[in-house]
Protein backbone atom coordinates (compact mmCIF):
# COMPACT_ATOMS: atom_id res chain seq x y z
CA MET A 1 50.08 81.25 150.21
CA PRO A 2 49.31 80.05 153.77
CA GLN A 3 45.88 78.65 154.51
CA TYR A 4 43.83 79.44 157.62
CA LEU A 5 40.82 77.83 159.22
CA VAL A 6 38.14 80.32 160.30
CA ALA A 7 35.74 78.29 162.45
CA ILE A 8 32.40 79.49 163.82
CA HIS A 9 31.58 78.27 167.35
CA LEU A 10 27.91 77.76 168.19
CA PRO A 11 26.15 76.62 171.37
CA ASP A 12 25.09 72.98 171.43
CA ASP A 13 21.41 73.96 171.39
CA TYR A 14 21.81 76.20 168.32
CA ALA A 15 18.84 75.92 165.97
CA PRO A 16 19.49 76.99 162.35
CA CYS A 17 15.74 77.55 161.95
CA ALA A 18 16.10 80.48 164.36
CA GLU A 19 18.37 82.34 161.92
CA ASP A 20 16.73 85.44 160.56
CA ASP A 21 16.99 86.89 157.06
CA ALA A 22 19.46 89.56 158.19
CA LEU A 23 21.89 86.94 159.53
CA ARG A 24 21.70 84.87 156.34
CA ARG A 25 22.14 88.00 154.22
CA ASP A 26 25.21 89.10 156.21
CA ILE A 27 26.82 85.66 155.78
CA ASP A 28 26.02 85.66 152.05
CA VAL A 29 27.58 89.13 151.68
CA LEU A 30 30.69 87.96 153.55
CA ASN A 31 30.98 84.90 151.29
CA GLU A 32 30.66 87.08 148.20
CA GLU A 33 33.34 89.41 149.56
CA MET A 34 35.69 86.47 150.21
CA VAL A 35 35.17 85.14 146.68
CA ALA A 36 35.73 88.59 145.17
CA ALA A 37 38.97 88.93 147.18
CA GLY A 38 40.11 85.53 145.87
CA ILE A 39 40.89 84.16 149.34
CA ARG A 40 38.11 81.59 149.89
CA THR A 41 39.25 78.03 149.23
CA PHE A 42 36.40 76.13 150.89
CA VAL A 43 33.36 76.84 153.04
CA GLY A 44 31.02 74.48 154.83
CA GLY A 45 28.26 74.44 157.38
CA LEU A 46 27.99 71.40 159.62
CA GLN A 47 24.94 69.45 160.75
CA ALA A 48 23.84 69.68 164.37
CA VAL A 49 26.33 68.26 166.88
CA SER A 50 23.65 65.76 167.91
CA LYS A 51 24.18 64.03 164.54
CA ALA A 52 27.94 63.64 165.04
CA MET A 53 29.63 60.25 165.30
CA SER A 54 32.95 59.60 167.05
CA VAL A 55 35.53 56.92 166.32
CA ARG A 56 38.00 55.99 169.06
CA THR A 57 40.62 53.35 169.52
CA ALA A 58 39.85 51.09 172.49
CA PRO A 59 42.66 49.78 174.75
CA ASP A 60 42.51 46.43 172.91
CA GLY A 61 43.18 48.21 169.58
CA LYS A 62 39.65 47.82 168.22
CA LEU A 63 37.75 50.83 166.95
CA LEU A 64 34.73 52.02 168.88
CA VAL A 65 32.09 54.08 167.08
CA THR A 66 29.70 56.06 169.26
CA ASP A 67 26.93 58.59 168.79
CA GLY A 68 27.68 62.20 169.56
CA PRO A 69 30.63 64.55 169.41
CA TYR A 70 34.17 63.61 170.37
CA LEU A 71 34.23 66.16 173.19
CA GLU A 72 31.40 67.03 175.54
CA THR A 73 31.38 70.83 175.49
CA LYS A 74 28.89 73.66 175.59
CA GLU A 75 29.95 74.89 172.13
CA HIS A 76 30.95 73.21 168.90
CA ILE A 77 32.11 74.14 165.41
CA GLY A 78 29.01 74.90 163.39
CA GLY A 79 30.75 75.84 160.16
CA PHE A 80 34.04 77.04 158.78
CA TRP A 81 35.98 78.61 155.96
CA VAL A 82 39.40 77.70 154.62
CA LEU A 83 41.04 80.92 153.45
CA GLU A 84 44.30 81.65 151.66
CA CYS A 85 45.73 84.76 153.30
CA THR A 86 49.11 86.45 153.23
CA ASP A 87 49.51 86.19 157.01
CA MET A 88 47.69 85.79 160.33
CA GLU A 89 46.81 89.49 160.43
CA GLN A 90 44.88 89.22 157.17
CA ALA A 91 43.21 86.00 158.37
CA LEU A 92 42.21 87.73 161.63
CA ALA A 93 40.70 90.61 159.66
CA TRP A 94 38.46 88.08 157.90
CA GLY A 95 37.81 86.36 161.22
CA ARG A 96 36.55 89.64 162.65
CA LYS A 97 34.17 90.03 159.70
CA ALA A 98 32.98 86.44 160.22
CA ALA A 99 32.29 87.04 163.92
CA ILE A 100 30.20 90.09 163.03
CA ALA A 101 28.31 88.40 160.18
CA CYS A 102 27.65 85.17 162.12
CA ARG A 103 27.07 86.88 165.47
CA ALA A 104 29.17 84.14 167.08
CA PRO A 105 32.70 83.52 168.38
CA VAL A 106 35.28 82.68 165.73
CA GLU A 107 38.56 80.76 165.92
CA VAL A 108 41.32 81.51 163.42
CA ARG A 109 44.11 78.98 163.06
CA ALA A 110 46.85 78.41 160.47
CA PHE A 111 47.34 75.06 158.75
CA ASN A 112 50.80 73.51 159.09
């Protein structure tokens, strides 16, 4: 069965401590629903983007490790699910539920 990434996009200044009980409950309910449906392969929340490290190849071929995210943007991936769905329509249905539960934009993308 095809796998899909369902990624939650959060603003760079997002503070997990600001999450209320209702938000956490809605995400827990969504996770339980995904498990019950047998489609959740993996789920993970990420640390703040300020704790990211980037590795790049320099023109001389050496690797350069720097603090911070790879891209300077106003939003970043704050967490994600890997789901096994029959098709993109089913994955998008779960993506819609994720956007509602997380109160944030969601990206849904198939793995090759």
